[in-house]
């Protein structure tokens, strides 16, 4: 068996949601950039490449999670907010966050260029984003970097766009805080293989 196959299998099986991460000076912008250059090989329908990534590092990353916290403070009942704040702190303690966007201008252009599939492009856009998120997550995991996928959109969308001058046509899909793992994930459970996979 080739090394590539073994590494891919390990990356798939070892990827986990690490919700508590911490700082590590070895997780640099250059290293994250290399991870993302690999992840961008993820496929997209019609090669539309509608995904856009914004990487917030260090103080900018902390600012993002402060925005999430203050937004949720107004929405979460006071008696539940302490647990919410503790969960958010686990993300904020990390090195950075990848914000995943979909460029709606690209989706619109694809709809105009291939009108037969017009109704499908929004779905394909999100499928492409999911593959890009997964490729990023696996590449981070293969580097020993902990990450999880979060969805605090749409409640923070407008403030995020204003704070980091994000184009209006970019739609926020998910957030991936990353850093050195600071917890051991629990055991995963799976549906029975035979209930999921059918051969004919």
N, C-alpha and C. Protein backbone atom coordinates (compact mmCIF):
# COMPACT_ATOMS: atom_id res chain seq x y z
N UNK A 1 0.85 -1.19 0.00
CA UNK A 1 0.00 0.00 0.00
C UNK A 1 0.89 1.25 0.00
N UNK A 2 0.51 2.23 -0.81
CA UNK A 2 1.35 3.42 -0.92
C UNK A 2 1.23 4.30 0.31
N UNK A 3 2.25 5.14 0.52
CA UNK A 3 2.25 6.06 1.66
C UNK A 3 1.07 7.03 1.56
N UNK A 4 0.79 7.49 0.33
CA UNK A 4 -0.30 8.45 0.13
C UNK A 4 -1.63 7.86 0.59
N UNK A 5 -1.89 6.62 0.20
CA UNK A 5 -3.15 5.97 0.59
C UNK A 5 -3.24 5.85 2.11
N UNK A 6 -2.15 5.43 2.74
CA UNK A 6 -2.13 5.30 4.19
C UNK A 6 -2.37 6.65 4.86
N UNK A 7 -1.69 7.69 4.36
CA UNK A 7 -1.85 9.01 4.96
C UNK A 7 -3.28 9.54 4.79
N UNK A 8 -3.86 9.30 3.64
CA UNK A 8 -5.22 9.76 3.40
C UNK A 8 -6.19 9.03 4.33
N UNK A 9 -6.01 7.73 4.45
CA UNK A 9 -6.87 6.94 5.34
C UNK A 9 -6.75 7.44 6.78
N UNK A 10 -5.53 7.66 7.23
CA UNK A 10 -5.32 8.16 8.59
C UNK A 10 -5.96 9.53 8.78
N UNK A 11 -5.80 10.40 7.79
CA UNK A 11 -6.36 11.75 7.90
C UNK A 11 -7.88 11.70 8.02
N UNK A 12 -8.50 10.83 7.23
CA UNK A 12 -9.96 10.70 7.27
C UNK A 12 -10.42 10.14 8.61
N UNK A 13 -9.74 9.09 9.08
CA UNK A 13 -10.20 8.40 10.29
C UNK A 13 -9.85 9.16 11.58
N UNK A 14 -8.80 9.97 11.53
CA UNK A 14 -8.35 10.67 12.73
C UNK A 14 -8.93 12.07 12.88
N UNK A 15 -9.57 12.59 11.83
CA UNK A 15 -10.15 13.93 11.91
C UNK A 15 -11.29 13.92 12.93
N UNK A 16 -11.24 14.84 13.85
CA UNK A 16 -12.26 14.92 14.90
C UNK A 16 -12.60 16.38 15.18
N UNK A 17 -13.72 16.59 15.84
CA UNK A 17 -14.07 17.93 16.31
C UNK A 17 -13.30 18.21 17.60
N UNK A 18 -12.35 19.13 17.51
CA UNK A 18 -11.60 19.57 18.69
C UNK A 18 -12.10 20.96 19.03
N UNK A 19 -12.92 21.04 20.09
CA UNK A 19 -13.59 22.30 20.42
C UNK A 19 -12.82 23.15 21.42
N UNK A 20 -11.78 22.56 22.00
CA UNK A 20 -10.90 23.34 22.88
C UNK A 20 -9.51 23.30 22.28
N UNK A 21 -9.06 24.47 21.84
CA UNK A 21 -7.73 24.60 21.24
C UNK A 21 -6.96 25.68 21.97
N UNK A 22 -5.65 25.68 21.78
CA UNK A 22 -4.82 26.68 22.45
C UNK A 22 -3.74 27.19 21.51
N UNK A 23 -3.05 28.21 21.97
CA UNK A 23 -2.01 28.84 21.16
C UNK A 23 -0.81 27.90 21.01
N UNK A 24 -0.13 28.04 19.89
CA UNK A 24 1.12 27.33 19.64
C UNK A 24 1.87 28.13 18.58
N UNK A 25 3.06 28.61 18.94
CA UNK A 25 3.81 29.49 18.03
C UNK A 25 4.26 28.77 16.76
N UNK A 26 4.19 27.44 16.75
CA UNK A 26 4.56 26.69 15.54
C UNK A 26 3.44 26.66 14.51
N UNK A 27 2.23 27.08 14.90
CA UNK A 27 1.12 27.17 13.95
C UNK A 27 1.15 28.58 13.38
N UNK A 28 1.88 28.73 12.30
CA UNK A 28 2.14 30.04 11.71
C UNK A 28 1.22 30.31 10.52
N UNK A 29 1.20 31.57 10.11
CA UNK A 29 0.44 31.93 8.91
C UNK A 29 0.95 31.15 7.70
N UNK A 30 2.25 30.99 7.59
CA UNK A 30 2.83 30.26 6.46
C UNK A 30 2.35 28.81 6.44
N UNK A 31 2.31 28.20 7.61
CA UNK A 31 1.88 26.80 7.71
C UNK A 31 0.41 26.67 7.35
N UNK A 32 -0.43 27.58 7.83
CA UNK A 32 -1.85 27.56 7.50
C UNK A 32 -2.05 27.82 6.01
N UNK A 33 -1.26 28.71 5.45
CA UNK A 33 -1.34 28.98 4.02
C UNK A 33 -1.05 27.73 3.21
N UNK A 34 -0.06 26.95 3.61
CA UNK A 34 0.26 25.70 2.93
C UNK A 34 -0.91 24.72 3.00
N UNK A 35 -1.55 24.65 4.18
CA UNK A 35 -2.72 23.78 4.35
C UNK A 35 -3.82 24.19 3.38
N UNK A 36 -4.08 25.49 3.29
CA UNK A 36 -5.17 25.97 2.45
C UNK A 36 -4.87 25.80 0.96
N UNK A 37 -3.61 25.93 0.58
CA UNK A 37 -3.24 25.69 -0.82
C UNK A 37 -3.55 24.25 -1.21
N UNK A 38 -3.39 23.33 -0.28
CA UNK A 38 -3.76 21.93 -0.52
C UNK A 38 -5.28 21.78 -0.57
N UNK A 39 -5.98 22.38 0.39
CA UNK A 39 -7.44 22.24 0.48
C UNK A 39 -8.15 22.78 -0.76
N UNK A 40 -7.57 23.79 -1.39
CA UNK A 40 -8.21 24.39 -2.56
C UNK A 40 -8.26 23.46 -3.76
N UNK A 41 -7.65 22.29 -3.65
CA UNK A 41 -7.80 21.28 -4.70
C UNK A 41 -9.14 20.56 -4.59
N UNK A 42 -9.93 20.86 -3.58
CA UNK A 42 -11.26 20.26 -3.44
C UNK A 42 -12.09 20.57 -4.68
N UNK A 43 -12.91 19.63 -5.13
CA UNK A 43 -13.69 19.85 -6.36
C UNK A 43 -14.89 20.75 -6.14
N UNK A 44 -15.39 21.29 -7.24
CA UNK A 44 -16.64 22.04 -7.23
C UNK A 44 -17.36 21.80 -8.54
N UNK A 45 -18.69 21.83 -8.51
CA UNK A 45 -19.48 21.57 -9.72
C UNK A 45 -19.13 22.57 -10.81
N UNK A 46 -18.94 22.06 -12.02
CA UNK A 46 -18.57 22.90 -13.17
C UNK A 46 -17.27 23.66 -12.91
N UNK A 47 -16.49 23.20 -11.93
CA UNK A 47 -15.27 23.90 -11.51
C UNK A 47 -15.57 25.38 -11.22
N UNK A 48 -16.72 25.62 -10.58
CA UNK A 48 -17.18 26.99 -10.37
C UNK A 48 -16.32 27.77 -9.36
N UNK A 49 -15.68 27.06 -8.44
CA UNK A 49 -14.77 27.68 -7.48
C UNK A 49 -15.38 28.92 -6.81
N UNK A 50 -16.55 28.73 -6.22
CA UNK A 50 -17.25 29.85 -5.58
C UNK A 50 -16.82 30.07 -4.13
N UNK A 51 -16.02 29.17 -3.57
CA UNK A 51 -15.57 29.32 -2.19
C UNK A 51 -14.58 30.45 -2.01
N UNK A 52 -14.71 31.15 -0.90
CA UNK A 52 -13.78 32.22 -0.53
C UNK A 52 -13.42 32.03 0.95
N UNK A 53 -12.17 32.20 1.28
CA UNK A 53 -11.71 31.99 2.65
C UNK A 53 -11.11 33.27 3.21
N UNK A 54 -11.46 33.56 4.44
CA UNK A 54 -10.83 34.66 5.19
C UNK A 54 -10.23 34.03 6.44
N UNK A 55 -8.93 34.20 6.61
CA UNK A 55 -8.25 33.61 7.77
C UNK A 55 -7.93 34.72 8.78
N UNK A 56 -8.49 34.58 9.96
CA UNK A 56 -8.24 35.54 11.04
C UNK A 56 -7.23 34.91 12.00
N UNK A 57 -6.14 35.61 12.24
CA UNK A 57 -5.08 35.09 13.11
C UNK A 57 -4.93 36.00 14.33
N UNK A 58 -4.53 35.39 15.44
CA UNK A 58 -4.13 36.11 16.64
C UNK A 58 -5.22 37.10 17.11
N UNK A 59 -4.90 38.40 17.16
CA UNK A 59 -5.84 39.38 17.71
C UNK A 59 -7.12 39.48 16.88
N UNK A 60 -7.00 39.32 15.55
CA UNK A 60 -8.20 39.39 14.69
C UNK A 60 -9.10 38.19 14.95
N UNK A 61 -8.49 37.04 15.16
CA UNK A 61 -9.23 35.83 15.53
C UNK A 61 -9.96 36.03 16.86
N UNK A 62 -9.29 36.60 17.84
CA UNK A 62 -9.92 36.85 19.14
C UNK A 62 -11.06 37.85 19.01
N UNK A 63 -10.87 38.84 18.15
CA UNK A 63 -11.92 39.84 17.91
C UNK A 63 -13.18 39.17 17.36
N UNK A 64 -12.99 38.20 16.45
CA UNK A 64 -14.15 37.50 15.90
C UNK A 64 -14.95 36.80 16.99
N UNK A 65 -14.25 36.08 17.88
CA UNK A 65 -14.98 35.34 18.91
C UNK A 65 -15.57 36.28 19.97
N UNK A 66 -14.99 37.46 20.14
CA UNK A 66 -15.61 38.47 21.00
C UNK A 66 -16.92 38.96 20.39
N UNK A 67 -16.93 39.12 19.06
CA UNK A 67 -18.16 39.52 18.36
C UNK A 67 -19.24 38.46 18.55
N UNK A 68 -18.85 37.19 18.38
CA UNK A 68 -19.82 36.10 18.56
C UNK A 68 -20.37 36.11 19.99
N UNK A 69 -19.47 36.28 20.95
CA UNK A 69 -19.88 36.25 22.36
C UNK A 69 -20.87 37.37 22.67
N UNK A 70 -20.56 38.58 22.24
CA UNK A 70 -21.44 39.71 22.56
C UNK A 70 -22.76 39.61 21.80
N UNK A 71 -22.73 39.04 20.61
CA UNK A 71 -23.97 38.83 19.85
C UNK A 71 -24.86 37.83 20.57
N UNK A 72 -24.25 36.74 21.04
CA UNK A 72 -25.02 35.70 21.73
C UNK A 72 -25.50 36.16 23.11
N UNK A 73 -24.75 37.07 23.74
CA UNK A 73 -25.16 37.57 25.06
C UNK A 73 -26.57 38.15 25.01
N UNK A 74 -26.89 38.77 23.87
CA UNK A 74 -28.21 39.38 23.73
C UNK A 74 -29.30 38.36 23.35
N UNK A 75 -28.88 37.15 22.98
CA UNK A 75 -29.84 36.16 22.48
C UNK A 75 -30.04 34.97 23.42
N UNK A 76 -29.00 34.62 24.17
CA UNK A 76 -29.05 33.44 25.03
C UNK A 76 -29.57 33.83 26.41
N UNK A 77 -30.50 33.05 26.98
CA UNK A 77 -30.97 33.34 28.34
C UNK A 77 -29.81 33.42 29.32
N UNK A 78 -29.89 34.36 30.25
CA UNK A 78 -28.79 34.63 31.19
C UNK A 78 -28.33 33.37 31.92
N UNK A 79 -29.27 32.50 32.28
CA UNK A 79 -28.90 31.30 33.04
C UNK A 79 -28.12 30.29 32.19
N UNK A 80 -28.17 30.43 30.88
CA UNK A 80 -27.44 29.52 29.99
C UNK A 80 -26.16 30.13 29.43
N UNK A 81 -25.97 31.43 29.68
CA UNK A 81 -24.88 32.12 28.98
C UNK A 81 -23.50 31.69 29.46
N UNK A 82 -23.37 31.32 30.72
CA UNK A 82 -22.05 30.92 31.23
C UNK A 82 -21.50 29.72 30.45
N UNK A 83 -22.35 28.73 30.18
CA UNK A 83 -21.92 27.55 29.41
C UNK A 83 -21.57 27.94 27.98
N UNK A 84 -22.36 28.86 27.42
CA UNK A 84 -22.09 29.34 26.06
C UNK A 84 -20.75 30.05 26.01
N UNK A 85 -20.49 30.92 26.98
CA UNK A 85 -19.24 31.67 27.03
C UNK A 85 -18.04 30.73 27.18
N UNK A 86 -18.20 29.68 27.98
CA UNK A 86 -17.11 28.72 28.18
C UNK A 86 -16.80 27.99 26.88
N UNK A 87 -17.83 27.62 26.13
CA UNK A 87 -17.62 26.95 24.85
C UNK A 87 -16.90 27.88 23.87
N UNK A 88 -17.33 29.13 23.82
CA UNK A 88 -16.69 30.10 22.92
C UNK A 88 -15.24 30.35 23.30
N UNK A 89 -14.94 30.33 24.61
CA UNK A 89 -13.57 30.55 25.06
C UNK A 89 -12.65 29.45 24.54
N UNK A 90 -13.18 28.23 24.43
CA UNK A 90 -12.40 27.13 23.88
C UNK A 90 -11.96 27.37 22.45
N UNK A 91 -12.78 28.11 21.69
CA UNK A 91 -12.41 28.49 20.32
C UNK A 91 -11.45 29.68 20.35
N UNK A 92 -11.76 30.67 21.16
CA UNK A 92 -10.98 31.91 21.22
C UNK A 92 -9.55 31.67 21.67
N UNK A 93 -9.33 30.66 22.49
CA UNK A 93 -7.99 30.37 23.01
C UNK A 93 -7.04 29.85 21.94
N UNK A 94 -7.57 29.55 20.76
CA UNK A 94 -6.75 29.00 19.69
C UNK A 94 -5.92 30.05 18.96
N UNK A 95 -5.37 29.64 17.84
CA UNK A 95 -4.46 30.47 17.05
C UNK A 95 -5.21 31.31 16.02
N UNK A 96 -6.23 30.72 15.40
CA UNK A 96 -6.91 31.44 14.33
C UNK A 96 -8.24 30.80 13.98
N UNK A 97 -8.92 31.40 13.02
CA UNK A 97 -10.20 30.91 12.53
C UNK A 97 -10.27 31.11 11.03
N UNK A 98 -10.69 30.06 10.34
CA UNK A 98 -10.96 30.18 8.90
C UNK A 98 -12.45 30.46 8.74
N UNK A 99 -12.78 31.55 8.08
CA UNK A 99 -14.16 31.86 7.74
C UNK A 99 -14.41 31.39 6.31
N UNK A 100 -15.41 30.55 6.13
CA UNK A 100 -15.77 30.04 4.81
C UNK A 100 -16.94 30.84 4.25
N UNK A 101 -16.74 31.38 3.07
CA UNK A 101 -17.77 32.14 2.37
C UNK A 101 -18.05 31.50 1.02
N UNK A 102 -19.23 31.79 0.47
CA UNK A 102 -19.54 31.46 -0.91
C UNK A 102 -19.83 32.76 -1.65
N UNK A 103 -19.17 32.93 -2.79
CA UNK A 103 -19.33 34.14 -3.59
C UNK A 103 -20.60 34.02 -4.44
N UNK A 104 -21.64 34.73 -4.04
CA UNK A 104 -22.93 34.63 -4.73
C UNK A 104 -22.86 35.21 -6.14
N UNK A 105 -21.90 36.07 -6.39
CA UNK A 105 -21.71 36.61 -7.74
C UNK A 105 -21.29 35.49 -8.69
N UNK A 106 -20.44 34.59 -8.21
CA UNK A 106 -20.02 33.43 -9.00
C UNK A 106 -21.22 32.52 -9.28
N UNK A 107 -22.02 32.28 -8.25
CA UNK A 107 -23.21 31.42 -8.41
C UNK A 107 -24.14 32.02 -9.46
N UNK A 108 -24.37 33.31 -9.38
CA UNK A 108 -25.26 34.00 -10.33
C UNK A 108 -24.71 33.89 -11.75
N UNK A 109 -23.42 34.08 -11.90
CA UNK A 109 -22.80 34.00 -13.23
C UNK A 109 -22.96 32.59 -13.82
N UNK A 110 -22.78 31.57 -12.97
CA UNK A 110 -22.94 30.19 -13.43
C UNK A 110 -24.39 29.92 -13.84
N UNK A 111 -25.33 30.49 -13.11
CA UNK A 111 -26.75 30.33 -13.46
C UNK A 111 -27.05 30.95 -14.82
N UNK A 112 -26.41 32.09 -15.10
CA UNK A 112 -26.62 32.76 -16.39
C UNK A 112 -25.96 31.99 -17.52
N UNK A 113 -24.80 31.40 -17.23
CA UNK A 113 -24.04 30.70 -18.27
C UNK A 113 -24.60 29.31 -18.56
N UNK A 114 -25.26 28.70 -17.59
CA UNK A 114 -25.82 27.36 -17.76
C UNK A 114 -27.26 27.35 -17.24
N UNK A 115 -28.17 28.03 -17.93
CA UNK A 115 -29.54 28.21 -17.41
C UNK A 115 -30.29 26.90 -17.21
N UNK A 116 -29.92 25.85 -17.92
CA UNK A 116 -30.58 24.56 -17.75
C UNK A 116 -30.46 24.05 -16.32
N UNK A 117 -29.36 24.42 -15.65
CA UNK A 117 -29.10 23.96 -14.28
C UNK A 117 -29.28 25.07 -13.24
N UNK A 118 -29.95 26.13 -13.64
CA UNK A 118 -30.05 27.33 -12.79
C UNK A 118 -30.45 27.03 -11.36
N UNK A 119 -31.46 26.18 -11.19
CA UNK A 119 -31.98 25.89 -9.85
C UNK A 119 -30.99 25.11 -8.98
N UNK A 120 -30.06 24.42 -9.63
CA UNK A 120 -29.15 23.54 -8.90
C UNK A 120 -27.91 24.25 -8.36
N UNK A 121 -27.51 25.36 -8.97
CA UNK A 121 -26.24 25.98 -8.59
C UNK A 121 -26.14 26.39 -7.13
N UNK A 122 -27.20 26.91 -6.49
CA UNK A 122 -27.08 27.20 -5.06
C UNK A 122 -26.77 25.95 -4.23
N UNK A 123 -27.39 24.81 -4.59
CA UNK A 123 -27.09 23.55 -3.89
C UNK A 123 -25.66 23.13 -4.15
N UNK A 124 -25.24 23.21 -5.41
CA UNK A 124 -23.88 22.80 -5.76
C UNK A 124 -22.84 23.71 -5.09
N UNK A 125 -23.20 24.97 -4.93
CA UNK A 125 -22.32 25.91 -4.24
C UNK A 125 -22.06 25.43 -2.81
N UNK A 126 -23.11 25.04 -2.10
CA UNK A 126 -22.95 24.58 -0.72
C UNK A 126 -22.26 23.23 -0.65
N UNK A 127 -22.49 22.38 -1.65
CA UNK A 127 -21.77 21.11 -1.69
C UNK A 127 -20.27 21.36 -1.87
N UNK A 128 -19.94 22.30 -2.74
CA UNK A 128 -18.53 22.66 -2.96
C UNK A 128 -17.91 23.23 -1.70
N UNK A 129 -18.68 24.05 -0.99
CA UNK A 129 -18.18 24.61 0.27
C UNK A 129 -17.92 23.51 1.28
N UNK A 130 -18.84 22.54 1.35
CA UNK A 130 -18.69 21.44 2.29
C UNK A 130 -17.41 20.65 1.99
N UNK A 131 -17.14 20.41 0.71
CA UNK A 131 -15.92 19.68 0.35
C UNK A 131 -14.68 20.49 0.68
N UNK A 132 -14.75 21.80 0.48
CA UNK A 132 -13.62 22.67 0.82
C UNK A 132 -13.39 22.69 2.33
N UNK A 133 -14.47 22.73 3.10
CA UNK A 133 -14.36 22.70 4.56
C UNK A 133 -13.74 21.38 5.02
N UNK A 134 -14.20 20.30 4.43
CA UNK A 134 -13.70 18.97 4.81
C UNK A 134 -12.23 18.81 4.44
N UNK A 135 -11.87 19.28 3.24
CA UNK A 135 -10.47 19.20 2.81
C UNK A 135 -9.58 20.02 3.74
N UNK A 136 -10.06 21.19 4.13
CA UNK A 136 -9.30 22.04 5.06
C UNK A 136 -9.14 21.33 6.41
N UNK A 137 -10.22 20.77 6.89
CA UNK A 137 -10.23 20.09 8.19
C UNK A 137 -9.28 18.89 8.18
N UNK A 138 -9.34 18.09 7.10
CA UNK A 138 -8.44 16.94 7.01
C UNK A 138 -6.98 17.37 6.92
N UNK A 139 -6.72 18.42 6.15
CA UNK A 139 -5.34 18.89 6.00
C UNK A 139 -4.81 19.43 7.32
N UNK A 140 -5.64 20.14 8.08
CA UNK A 140 -5.24 20.60 9.41
C UNK A 140 -4.96 19.41 10.32
N UNK A 141 -5.87 18.43 10.30
CA UNK A 141 -5.73 17.25 11.15
C UNK A 141 -4.45 16.49 10.82
N UNK A 142 -4.14 16.39 9.54
CA UNK A 142 -2.92 15.68 9.11
C UNK A 142 -1.67 16.38 9.63
N UNK A 143 -1.78 17.69 9.90
CA UNK A 143 -0.66 18.48 10.44
C UNK A 143 -0.63 18.45 11.96
N UNK A 144 -1.59 17.75 12.57
CA UNK A 144 -1.66 17.72 14.03
C UNK A 144 -2.32 18.94 14.64
N UNK A 145 -3.03 19.70 13.81
CA UNK A 145 -3.70 20.92 14.26
C UNK A 145 -5.16 20.61 14.54
N UNK A 146 -5.64 20.98 15.74
CA UNK A 146 -7.02 20.73 16.13
C UNK A 146 -7.95 21.76 15.52
N UNK A 147 -9.16 21.33 15.15
CA UNK A 147 -10.14 22.24 14.56
C UNK A 147 -11.54 21.68 14.78
N UNK A 148 -12.52 22.55 14.60
CA UNK A 148 -13.92 22.14 14.59
C UNK A 148 -14.65 23.07 13.64
N UNK A 149 -15.84 22.66 13.23
CA UNK A 149 -16.63 23.49 12.32
C UNK A 149 -17.80 24.07 13.08
N UNK A 150 -17.92 25.39 13.05
CA UNK A 150 -18.96 26.10 13.78
C UNK A 150 -19.85 26.88 12.82
N UNK A 151 -21.06 27.20 13.28
CA UNK A 151 -22.02 27.91 12.42
C UNK A 151 -22.72 29.00 13.24
N UNK A 152 -22.05 30.13 13.38
CA UNK A 152 -22.66 31.27 14.06
C UNK A 152 -23.18 32.30 13.06
N UNK A 153 -23.34 31.85 11.83
CA UNK A 153 -24.01 32.65 10.82
C UNK A 153 -25.48 32.22 10.83
N UNK A 154 -26.43 33.09 10.54
CA UNK A 154 -26.24 34.45 10.03
C UNK A 154 -26.19 35.53 11.11
N UNK A 155 -26.18 35.16 12.39
CA UNK A 155 -26.33 36.20 13.42
C UNK A 155 -25.16 37.17 13.48
N UNK A 156 -23.98 36.77 12.97
CA UNK A 156 -22.82 37.68 13.04
C UNK A 156 -22.44 38.21 11.66
N UNK A 157 -23.19 37.87 10.64
CA UNK A 157 -22.77 38.17 9.27
C UNK A 157 -22.47 39.64 9.02
N UNK A 158 -23.41 40.50 9.41
CA UNK A 158 -23.26 41.92 9.07
C UNK A 158 -22.06 42.54 9.79
N UNK A 159 -21.90 42.21 11.06
CA UNK A 159 -20.76 42.79 11.79
C UNK A 159 -19.44 42.26 11.25
N UNK A 160 -19.41 41.00 10.86
CA UNK A 160 -18.20 40.43 10.25
C UNK A 160 -17.87 41.16 8.96
N UNK A 161 -18.86 41.38 8.13
CA UNK A 161 -18.62 42.06 6.85
C UNK A 161 -18.11 43.48 7.06
N UNK A 162 -18.68 44.17 8.04
CA UNK A 162 -18.24 45.54 8.32
C UNK A 162 -16.84 45.56 8.92
N UNK A 163 -16.57 44.64 9.85
CA UNK A 163 -15.29 44.65 10.56
C UNK A 163 -14.12 44.33 9.65
N UNK A 164 -14.31 43.37 8.73
CA UNK A 164 -13.18 42.96 7.88
C UNK A 164 -13.39 43.33 6.42
N UNK A 165 -14.32 44.24 6.15
CA UNK A 165 -14.51 44.76 4.79
C UNK A 165 -14.74 43.63 3.79
N UNK A 166 -15.66 42.74 4.13
CA UNK A 166 -15.98 41.60 3.29
C UNK A 166 -16.94 42.04 2.19
N UNK A 167 -16.70 41.63 0.94
CA UNK A 167 -17.62 42.01 -0.15
C UNK A 167 -19.06 41.58 0.15
N UNK A 168 -20.00 42.42 -0.23
CA UNK A 168 -21.42 42.19 0.06
C UNK A 168 -21.92 40.88 -0.53
N UNK A 169 -21.35 40.48 -1.68
CA UNK A 169 -21.85 39.28 -2.36
C UNK A 169 -21.29 37.98 -1.78
N UNK A 170 -20.41 38.08 -0.79
CA UNK A 170 -19.90 36.87 -0.13
C UNK A 170 -20.84 36.49 1.01
N UNK A 171 -21.26 35.24 1.02
CA UNK A 171 -22.19 34.73 2.03
C UNK A 171 -21.44 33.81 2.99
N UNK A 172 -21.52 34.12 4.30
CA UNK A 172 -20.81 33.33 5.31
C UNK A 172 -21.50 31.98 5.49
N UNK A 173 -20.70 30.91 5.45
CA UNK A 173 -21.23 29.55 5.53
C UNK A 173 -20.83 28.85 6.83
N UNK A 174 -19.59 29.05 7.28
CA UNK A 174 -19.13 28.37 8.48
C UNK A 174 -17.83 28.96 8.98
N UNK A 175 -17.47 28.58 10.20
CA UNK A 175 -16.25 29.09 10.83
C UNK A 175 -15.47 27.90 11.41
N UNK A 176 -14.15 27.90 11.21
CA UNK A 176 -13.33 26.80 11.68
C UNK A 176 -12.18 27.33 12.56
N UNK A 177 -12.40 27.39 13.88
CA UNK A 177 -11.32 27.78 14.78
C UNK A 177 -10.29 26.65 14.86
N UNK A 178 -9.01 27.03 14.94
CA UNK A 178 -7.96 26.01 14.96
C UNK A 178 -6.85 26.40 15.94
N UNK A 179 -6.09 25.40 16.35
CA UNK A 179 -4.96 25.61 17.25
C UNK A 179 -4.44 24.27 17.72
N UNK A 180 -3.59 24.31 18.71
CA UNK A 180 -3.10 23.06 19.29
C UNK A 180 -4.24 22.40 20.06
N UNK A 181 -4.49 21.11 19.83
CA UNK A 181 -5.57 20.44 20.56
C UNK A 181 -5.39 20.56 22.07
N UNK A 182 -6.48 20.88 22.76
CA UNK A 182 -6.44 21.04 24.22
C UNK A 182 -7.51 20.19 24.89
N UNK A 183 -7.87 19.10 24.22
CA UNK A 183 -8.83 18.16 24.78
C UNK A 183 -8.71 16.84 24.03
N UNK A 184 -9.18 15.79 24.66
CA UNK A 184 -9.28 14.49 24.00
C UNK A 184 -10.73 14.29 23.59
N UNK A 185 -10.99 14.12 22.29
CA UNK A 185 -12.38 13.93 21.88
C UNK A 185 -12.92 12.60 22.36
N UNK A 186 -14.22 12.53 22.55
CA UNK A 186 -14.86 11.28 22.98
C UNK A 186 -14.93 10.28 21.83
N UNK A 187 -15.43 9.09 22.16
CA UNK A 187 -15.58 8.05 21.15
C UNK A 187 -16.68 8.44 20.16
N UNK A 188 -16.47 8.10 18.90
CA UNK A 188 -17.50 8.32 17.89
C UNK A 188 -18.37 7.08 17.76
N UNK A 189 -19.61 7.28 17.39
CA UNK A 189 -20.49 6.15 17.11
C UNK A 189 -20.91 6.22 15.65
N UNK A 190 -21.17 5.06 15.07
CA UNK A 190 -21.52 4.99 13.66
C UNK A 190 -22.73 4.11 13.45
N UNK A 191 -23.53 4.45 12.45
CA UNK A 191 -24.59 3.56 12.02
C UNK A 191 -23.97 2.28 11.48
N UNK A 192 -24.73 1.20 11.50
CA UNK A 192 -24.22 -0.06 10.97
C UNK A 192 -23.88 0.11 9.49
N UNK A 193 -22.71 -0.36 9.11
CA UNK A 193 -22.23 -0.23 7.73
C UNK A 193 -23.28 -0.74 6.74
N UNK A 194 -23.91 -1.87 7.05
CA UNK A 194 -24.88 -2.48 6.15
C UNK A 194 -26.13 -1.62 5.96
N UNK A 195 -26.41 -0.75 6.95
CA UNK A 195 -27.57 0.14 6.83
C UNK A 195 -27.28 1.36 5.97
N UNK A 196 -26.01 1.61 5.76
CA UNK A 196 -25.60 2.81 5.04
C UNK A 196 -25.15 2.50 3.63
N UNK A 197 -24.45 1.38 3.44
CA UNK A 197 -23.83 1.04 2.15
C UNK A 197 -24.53 -0.19 1.57
N UNK A 198 -24.98 -0.07 0.33
CA UNK A 198 -25.61 -1.19 -0.38
C UNK A 198 -24.82 -1.50 -1.65
N UNK A 199 -24.53 -2.75 -1.88
CA UNK A 199 -23.88 -3.20 -3.11
C UNK A 199 -24.89 -4.01 -3.94
N UNK A 200 -24.85 -3.83 -5.25
CA UNK A 200 -25.69 -4.63 -6.15
C UNK A 200 -24.83 -5.13 -7.31
